[in-house]
Structures are given as structure tokens and as C-alpha cells.
């Protein structure tokens, strides 16, 4: 077991094998059914969303509040190693969440209705737009500012400080938006608005 768990790739592979075994043993659907494709994209959407919002909350609940407590000589470990890696997965999980979410909406026939807030799809539509706004914030505000703040692109000390603050405030906006977004995404199946 240590051989599997000592490698992230082997751990992920083992998780997929376990999933396959469970689906083959207890599954009640055929992979050839069109509904399975929609389900597979929904699963990918949830997986990407867990990573995206998990990292968003990691930044806001753990990393940002902890930075002032870290001695200056240890901060490069965060800014040069951990933050760039976390920001890579943060950006691409945001993109994957939005793309797979739009595919799910299209495959299930409500994409257009949700995006224009048609009756019966207002809640999921608002949730989709909140997620799109959040992803735009990630790619076009947080990421460019983080690159300056972390020294990944040329910037003087005052630009770095201003960029760090802009990235943090935009990340807090995304945290604020994530609360209603998550509710609206889940509510559509149980308590739809409109």
C-alpha cells in the first residue's frame, strides 16, 4: 500500500481503479447509454469544482491568514513553491469546472434556458453566472496580480504590495460568491428557484 500512496499519480490511478471496480460491481447503468455521458461530465464537473472551491477556501481560510505568522525567512517556501503550484491547480480547476458545467447543462438540455434565466432555471442560471464571474476573476484579476505579487513577473515593491492586495480582495469576492453559487447549484435538483 505504501508504494501506491507514496506517489500522487499512483494514488489517483488506484482511486480510478477502485471507482471502476465499484461501478462494475454495483453499477446500474450502461456506459453506452446517452445519459451516462451526461453523468460522466457531471462527475468531472463535481471533481473539478471540489478542487477549485477547495483551493479557494484554502487560500482564504488557511494561507492568507497564516502568512503574517510565518517568519520572513520561511515565506519564500510559500511564495516560490507552494503558491505557484496551488495557483496552477486553482486556475485550471476553475476552467475545468466552468467548461464541464456548461457541457452538463448542454447535454441535459437546459444550458440556454439557464443562461437567460428562463422559468424553472433561474437558480441554476444565477449559479452558472456566478461561477463564470468567479472564473473570470481567477484568470483575469487574481492570476495576473499574483504573478506580480509572487515575483513571477517584473514588478517593484509597491506594485507587488498593491497586486497582493488586489488578488486577496478579489479572492475574498470569490469566496463571498461561492456561498450562494454552491447553494444554487445544489438547490436546482431539490428546491429550484423560479
Protein backbone atom coordinates (compact mmCIF):
# COMPACT_ATOMS: atom_id res chain seq x y z
CA UNK A 1 0.00 0.00 0.00
CA UNK A 2 2.92 2.34 0.74
CA UNK A 3 4.06 2.06 -2.90
CA UNK A 4 0.67 3.30 -4.09
CA UNK A 5 0.30 6.06 -1.51
CA UNK A 6 3.85 7.36 -1.87
CA UNK A 7 3.05 8.65 -5.38
CA UNK A 8 0.20 11.04 -6.18
CA UNK A 9 -0.16 9.57 -9.69
CA UNK A 10 -0.38 6.02 -8.35
CA UNK A 11 -2.84 7.16 -5.67
CA UNK A 12 -5.06 8.79 -8.30
CA UNK A 13 -4.78 5.73 -10.51
CA UNK A 14 -5.74 3.48 -7.61
CA UNK A 15 -8.73 5.72 -6.90
CA UNK A 16 -9.87 5.35 -10.52
CA UNK A 17 -9.39 1.57 -10.38
CA UNK A 18 -11.43 1.43 -7.17
CA UNK A 19 -14.15 3.55 -8.79
CA UNK A 20 -14.18 1.22 -11.81
CA UNK A 21 -14.49 -1.86 -9.59
CA UNK A 22 -17.37 -0.31 -7.63
CA UNK A 23 -19.19 0.75 -10.81
CA UNK A 24 -18.72 -2.67 -12.45
CA UNK A 25 -19.82 -4.47 -9.27
CA UNK A 26 -22.76 -2.29 -8.27
CA UNK A 27 -23.49 -0.02 -11.24
CA UNK A 28 -26.96 0.12 -12.61
CA UNK A 29 -26.34 1.76 -15.96
CA UNK A 30 -24.81 1.05 -19.32
CA UNK A 31 -21.85 3.10 -20.48
CA UNK A 32 -23.37 3.07 -23.98
CA UNK A 33 -26.45 4.97 -22.78
CA UNK A 34 -26.50 8.70 -23.68
CA UNK A 35 -27.42 9.55 -20.09
CA UNK A 36 -24.09 8.05 -18.98
CA UNK A 37 -22.17 10.71 -20.93
CA UNK A 38 -24.10 13.47 -19.13
CA UNK A 39 -23.48 11.72 -15.83
CA UNK A 40 -19.74 11.35 -16.56
CA UNK A 41 -19.46 15.08 -17.29
CA UNK A 42 -21.41 15.87 -14.11
CA UNK A 43 -18.92 13.75 -12.13
CA UNK A 44 -16.00 15.55 -13.80
CA UNK A 45 -17.74 18.87 -13.04
CA UNK A 46 -18.07 17.99 -9.36
CA UNK A 47 -14.47 16.75 -9.14
CA UNK A 48 -13.11 19.94 -10.74
CA UNK A 49 -15.41 22.08 -8.59
CA UNK A 50 -14.26 20.42 -5.38
CA UNK A 51 -10.65 21.18 -6.31
CA UNK A 52 -11.44 24.78 -7.32
CA UNK A 53 -13.51 25.75 -4.30
CA UNK A 54 -11.26 23.71 -2.01
CA UNK A 55 -8.25 25.73 -3.16
CA UNK A 56 -10.21 29.00 -2.97
CA UNK A 57 -11.10 28.22 0.63
CA UNK A 58 -7.55 27.01 1.37
CA UNK A 59 -6.21 30.41 0.25
CA UNK A 60 -8.82 32.34 2.25
CA UNK A 61 -9.12 30.19 5.38
CA UNK A 62 -5.50 28.98 5.69
CA UNK A 63 -2.81 30.63 3.57
CA UNK A 64 -3.78 34.33 3.72
CA UNK A 65 -4.47 34.37 7.49
CA UNK A 66 -1.30 32.35 8.18
CA UNK A 67 1.17 34.46 6.17
CA UNK A 68 1.65 37.18 8.84
CA UNK A 69 2.50 34.45 11.39
CA UNK A 70 5.26 32.92 9.22
CA UNK A 71 8.79 34.23 9.83
CA UNK A 72 10.14 36.18 6.84
CA UNK A 73 12.93 33.67 6.19
CA UNK A 74 10.31 30.92 5.67
CA UNK A 75 7.96 32.90 3.39
CA UNK A 76 9.87 32.05 0.18
CA UNK A 77 8.80 28.42 0.64
CA UNK A 78 5.21 29.58 0.27
CA UNK A 79 5.70 32.25 -2.39
CA UNK A 80 8.19 30.35 -4.57
CA UNK A 81 6.98 26.75 -4.23
CA UNK A 82 3.54 26.21 -2.69
CA UNK A 83 1.60 29.23 -4.00
CA UNK A 84 2.63 28.83 -7.69
CA UNK A 85 1.67 25.14 -7.64
CA UNK A 86 -1.62 25.85 -5.85
CA UNK A 87 -2.38 28.69 -8.28
CA UNK A 88 -1.79 26.39 -11.27
CA UNK A 89 -4.38 23.89 -10.00
CA UNK A 90 -6.65 26.77 -8.91
CA UNK A 91 -6.72 28.30 -12.40
CA UNK A 92 -7.18 25.09 -14.32
CA UNK A 93 -9.76 23.62 -11.95
CA UNK A 94 -11.76 26.86 -12.34
CA UNK A 95 -11.60 26.48 -16.11
CA UNK A 96 -12.47 22.77 -15.97
CA UNK A 97 -15.40 23.45 -13.62
CA UNK A 98 -16.94 26.04 -15.91
CA UNK A 99 -16.35 24.07 -19.12
CA UNK A 100 -17.71 20.79 -17.71
CA UNK A 101 -20.64 22.66 -16.12
CA UNK A 102 -21.59 24.20 -19.46
CA UNK A 103 -21.29 20.77 -21.11
CA UNK A 104 -23.55 19.24 -18.42
CA UNK A 105 -26.13 21.99 -18.96
CA UNK A 106 -25.99 21.48 -22.73
CA UNK A 107 -26.18 17.67 -22.54
CA UNK A 108 -29.18 17.90 -20.20
CA UNK A 109 -30.93 20.44 -22.43
CA UNK A 110 -31.11 23.43 -20.08
CA UNK A 111 -27.97 25.39 -20.91
CA UNK A 112 -29.64 28.15 -22.90
CA UNK A 113 -32.63 28.42 -20.56
CA UNK A 114 -30.38 28.71 -17.51
CA UNK A 115 -28.07 31.33 -19.01
CA UNK A 116 -31.04 33.57 -19.88
CA UNK A 117 -32.90 32.86 -16.62
CA UNK A 118 -35.96 31.13 -18.12
CA UNK A 119 -38.70 29.95 -15.76
CA UNK A 120 -37.62 26.83 -13.87
CA UNK A 121 -33.93 27.59 -14.41
CA UNK A 122 -33.41 30.89 -12.59
CA UNK A 123 -31.49 29.42 -9.65
CA UNK A 124 -29.13 27.29 -11.71
CA UNK A 125 -28.75 30.21 -14.13
CA UNK A 126 -27.68 32.58 -11.37
CA UNK A 127 -25.32 29.88 -10.06
CA UNK A 128 -23.81 29.42 -13.52
CA UNK A 129 -23.26 33.14 -13.98
CA UNK A 130 -21.70 33.43 -10.52
CA UNK A 131 -19.29 30.61 -11.41
CA UNK A 132 -18.44 32.27 -14.74
CA UNK A 133 -17.76 35.59 -12.98
CA UNK A 134 -15.61 33.78 -10.42
CA UNK A 135 -13.60 32.04 -13.16
CA UNK A 136 -13.10 35.37 -14.96
CA UNK A 137 -11.84 36.80 -11.65
CA UNK A 138 -9.41 33.88 -11.30
CA UNK A 139 -7.92 34.20 -14.77
CA UNK A 140 -8.03 37.96 -15.37
CA UNK A 141 -7.63 39.55 -11.92
CA UNK A 142 -6.26 37.10 -9.36
CA UNK A 143 -3.70 35.35 -11.58
CA UNK A 144 -2.12 38.50 -13.15
CA UNK A 145 -1.92 40.13 -9.71
CA UNK A 146 -0.48 37.00 -8.09
CA UNK A 147 2.22 36.77 -10.76
CA UNK A 148 3.38 40.29 -9.78
CA UNK A 149 2.96 39.71 -6.03
CA UNK A 150 4.95 36.47 -6.13
CA UNK A 151 7.70 37.93 -8.32
CA UNK A 152 6.90 35.70 -11.28
CA UNK A 153 6.88 38.83 -13.47
CA UNK A 154 8.86 42.04 -13.04
CA UNK A 155 7.33 44.46 -10.52
CA UNK A 156 8.66 46.90 -7.96
CA UNK A 157 7.89 46.53 -4.25
CA UNK A 158 4.90 48.92 -4.28
CA UNK A 159 3.39 47.14 -7.32
CA UNK A 160 3.87 43.78 -5.56
CA UNK A 161 2.11 45.05 -2.45
CA UNK A 162 -0.77 46.57 -4.44
CA UNK A 163 -1.09 43.40 -6.56
CA UNK A 164 -1.14 41.18 -3.45
CA UNK A 165 -3.97 43.27 -2.01
CA UNK A 166 -5.95 43.22 -5.29
CA UNK A 167 -5.54 39.44 -5.57
CA UNK A 168 -6.62 38.95 -1.95
CA UNK A 169 -9.68 41.21 -2.28
CA UNK A 170 -10.77 39.50 -5.49
CA UNK A 171 -10.24 36.12 -3.85
CA UNK A 172 -12.48 37.30 -0.99
CA UNK A 173 -15.11 38.36 -3.56
CA UNK A 174 -14.95 34.84 -5.00
CA UNK A 175 -15.30 33.37 -1.51
CA UNK A 176 -18.39 35.53 -0.97
CA UNK A 177 -19.83 34.48 -4.35
CA UNK A 178 -19.03 30.80 -3.74
CA UNK A 179 -21.57 30.56 -0.92
CA UNK A 180 -24.69 31.39 -3.00
CA UNK A 181 -23.19 29.71 -6.08
CA UNK A 182 -22.82 26.37 -4.29
CA UNK A 183 -26.31 26.63 -2.80
CA UNK A 184 -27.88 27.40 -6.18
CA UNK A 185 -26.06 24.55 -7.92
CA UNK A 186 -27.28 22.03 -5.36
CA UNK A 187 -30.76 23.55 -4.96
CA UNK A 188 -31.69 23.09 -8.62
CA UNK A 189 -32.33 19.38 -8.09
CA UNK A 190 -34.14 19.78 -4.77
CA UNK A 191 -35.54 23.29 -4.34
CA UNK A 192 -35.34 25.09 -7.67
CA UNK A 193 -35.85 28.85 -7.76
CA UNK A 194 -38.12 30.30 -10.41
